């Protein structure tokens, strides 16, 4: 029994539909997680996402600063993020294309023991990479 072109089309259509649904879901996730407001000041960092979620961390509760470089995924379009980690419930992601205009680097330089050279090296690493550039002394 031979399957004609119509049979092939009928067999492939569910695959095409599933791919389209997955692509639309990825677009919706990206739209919901878009940054609509980002503030870095002497108190800490705050990012508001398009779906209303907020990420907040104060400098006094900061435990770690990490640089994640990316070419793909949710952070790929802006090269990655700086992860400002507080406790398990608080933290903030700063897109790499926003670290200068937000004043993040200047604020990080005020952290005790912060080494700007480690930040520069982490930002220059080929994606994908993940580098801890500062940790609070215990």
Protein backbone atom coordinates (compact mmCIF):
# COMPACT_ATOMS: atom_id res chain seq x y z
CA UNK A 1 0.00 0.00 0.00
CA UNK A 2 1.43 3.38 -0.97
CA UNK A 3 0.79 6.62 0.78
CA UNK A 4 0.32 9.55 -1.54
CA UNK A 5 1.17 13.14 -0.90
CA UNK A 6 -2.23 13.70 0.71
CA UNK A 7 -1.45 10.95 3.24
CA UNK A 8 1.89 12.53 4.05
CA UNK A 9 0.25 15.92 4.54
CA UNK A 10 -2.37 14.41 6.84
CA UNK A 11 0.28 12.62 8.88
CA UNK A 12 2.45 15.75 9.22
CA UNK A 13 -0.29 18.25 10.08
CA UNK A 14 -0.41 17.38 13.82
CA UNK A 15 3.35 17.97 14.03
CA UNK A 16 3.01 21.35 12.33
CA UNK A 17 0.19 22.33 14.68
CA UNK A 18 2.21 21.30 17.76
CA UNK A 19 5.20 23.33 16.57
CA UNK A 20 3.02 26.39 16.02
CA UNK A 21 1.46 26.07 19.48
CA UNK A 22 4.90 25.72 21.10
CA UNK A 23 6.21 28.77 19.23
CA UNK A 24 3.18 30.85 20.30
CA UNK A 25 3.60 29.76 23.92
CA UNK A 26 7.26 30.79 23.85
CA UNK A 27 6.26 34.22 22.49
CA UNK A 28 3.63 34.64 25.22
CA UNK A 29 6.17 33.72 27.93
CA UNK A 30 8.64 36.20 26.46
CA UNK A 31 6.03 38.97 26.38
CA UNK A 32 4.98 38.30 29.99
CA UNK A 33 8.57 38.42 31.22
CA UNK A 34 9.53 41.61 29.38
CA UNK A 35 10.99 44.32 31.59
CA UNK A 36 8.66 47.33 31.81
CA UNK A 37 10.47 49.12 34.64
CA UNK A 38 13.98 48.78 36.02
CA UNK A 39 15.45 50.86 38.82
CA UNK A 40 18.86 50.60 40.47
CA UNK A 41 19.63 53.11 43.22
CA UNK A 42 21.37 53.46 46.57
CA UNK A 43 18.77 51.20 48.21
CA UNK A 44 18.81 48.25 45.81
CA UNK A 45 17.35 47.03 42.53
CA UNK A 46 13.76 46.61 41.37
CA UNK A 47 12.46 45.17 38.11
CA UNK A 48 8.79 45.09 37.10
CA UNK A 49 7.75 42.60 34.45
CA UNK A 50 4.97 43.00 31.89
CA UNK A 51 2.73 40.53 33.73
CA UNK A 52 2.97 42.58 36.96
CA UNK A 53 5.51 40.45 38.80
CA UNK A 54 8.25 42.29 40.68
CA UNK A 55 11.81 41.34 41.45
CA UNK A 56 13.37 43.28 44.33
CA UNK A 57 16.56 43.09 46.33
CA UNK A 58 18.13 45.60 48.73
CA UNK A 59 21.92 45.96 48.88
CA UNK A 60 21.99 45.00 52.56
CA UNK A 61 20.36 41.64 51.86
CA UNK A 62 22.42 40.86 48.75
CA UNK A 63 24.34 37.58 49.10
CA UNK A 64 25.74 37.02 45.61
CA UNK A 65 26.21 38.68 42.22
CA UNK A 66 26.41 36.44 39.19
CA UNK A 67 26.80 37.15 35.47
CA UNK A 68 25.02 34.82 33.06
CA UNK A 69 25.81 35.29 29.37
CA UNK A 70 23.43 33.85 26.79
CA UNK A 71 22.76 33.80 23.07
CA UNK A 72 19.47 31.91 23.27
CA UNK A 73 16.61 31.48 25.65
CA UNK A 74 14.75 34.14 27.59
CA UNK A 75 17.84 36.31 28.11
CA UNK A 76 19.54 35.77 24.77
CA UNK A 77 18.25 38.87 23.03
CA UNK A 78 20.11 41.15 25.46
CA UNK A 79 23.18 38.94 25.93
CA UNK A 80 22.32 37.63 29.39
CA UNK A 81 21.69 38.99 32.87
CA UNK A 82 23.33 40.03 36.09
CA UNK A 83 21.73 38.02 38.88
CA UNK A 84 21.43 39.95 42.14
CA UNK A 85 20.65 37.23 44.67
CA UNK A 86 19.16 37.88 48.08
CA UNK A 87 17.52 35.16 50.11
CA UNK A 88 15.46 32.35 48.58
CA UNK A 89 12.50 34.67 47.99
CA UNK A 90 14.21 37.88 46.86
CA UNK A 91 16.47 38.83 44.01
CA UNK A 92 16.56 40.73 40.75
CA UNK A 93 17.73 40.09 37.19
CA UNK A 94 19.29 43.02 35.36
CA UNK A 95 19.56 42.53 31.57
CA UNK A 96 23.15 43.02 30.36
CA UNK A 97 22.08 45.68 27.89
CA UNK A 98 20.84 47.78 30.85
CA UNK A 99 23.79 47.64 33.26
CA UNK A 100 25.21 50.98 32.13
CA UNK A 101 22.07 53.10 31.89
CA UNK A 102 20.79 51.90 35.27
CA UNK A 103 23.98 52.71 37.17
CA UNK A 104 24.34 49.10 38.29
CA UNK A 105 28.13 49.02 37.93
CA UNK A 106 28.53 52.07 40.13
CA UNK A 107 26.35 50.52 42.84
CA UNK A 108 28.18 47.18 42.65
CA UNK A 109 31.49 48.95 43.16
CA UNK A 110 30.22 50.09 46.57
CA UNK A 111 29.88 46.48 47.78
CA UNK A 112 32.61 45.44 50.26
CA UNK A 113 35.35 43.57 48.40
CA UNK A 114 33.78 43.95 44.96
CA UNK A 115 36.37 43.40 42.20
CA UNK A 116 35.50 45.25 38.98
CA UNK A 117 38.01 43.13 37.05
CA UNK A 118 36.02 39.96 37.82
CA UNK A 119 32.91 41.67 36.42
CA UNK A 120 34.73 42.73 33.25
CA UNK A 121 36.06 39.20 32.73
CA UNK A 122 32.63 37.65 33.28
CA UNK A 123 30.99 40.05 30.83
CA UNK A 124 33.61 39.12 28.22
CA UNK A 125 33.08 35.36 28.44
CA UNK A 126 31.63 33.59 25.44
CA UNK A 127 28.00 32.58 25.87
CA UNK A 128 26.73 30.49 27.44
CA UNK A 129 28.55 31.10 30.70
CA UNK A 130 27.81 31.63 34.37
CA UNK A 131 30.26 33.42 36.70
CA UNK A 132 30.00 34.47 40.33
CA UNK A 133 31.61 37.90 40.58
CA UNK A 134 30.88 38.71 44.24
CA UNK A 135 29.73 36.91 47.40
CA UNK A 136 29.00 38.41 50.79
CA UNK A 137 31.59 37.35 53.36
CA UNK A 138 30.10 35.15 56.06
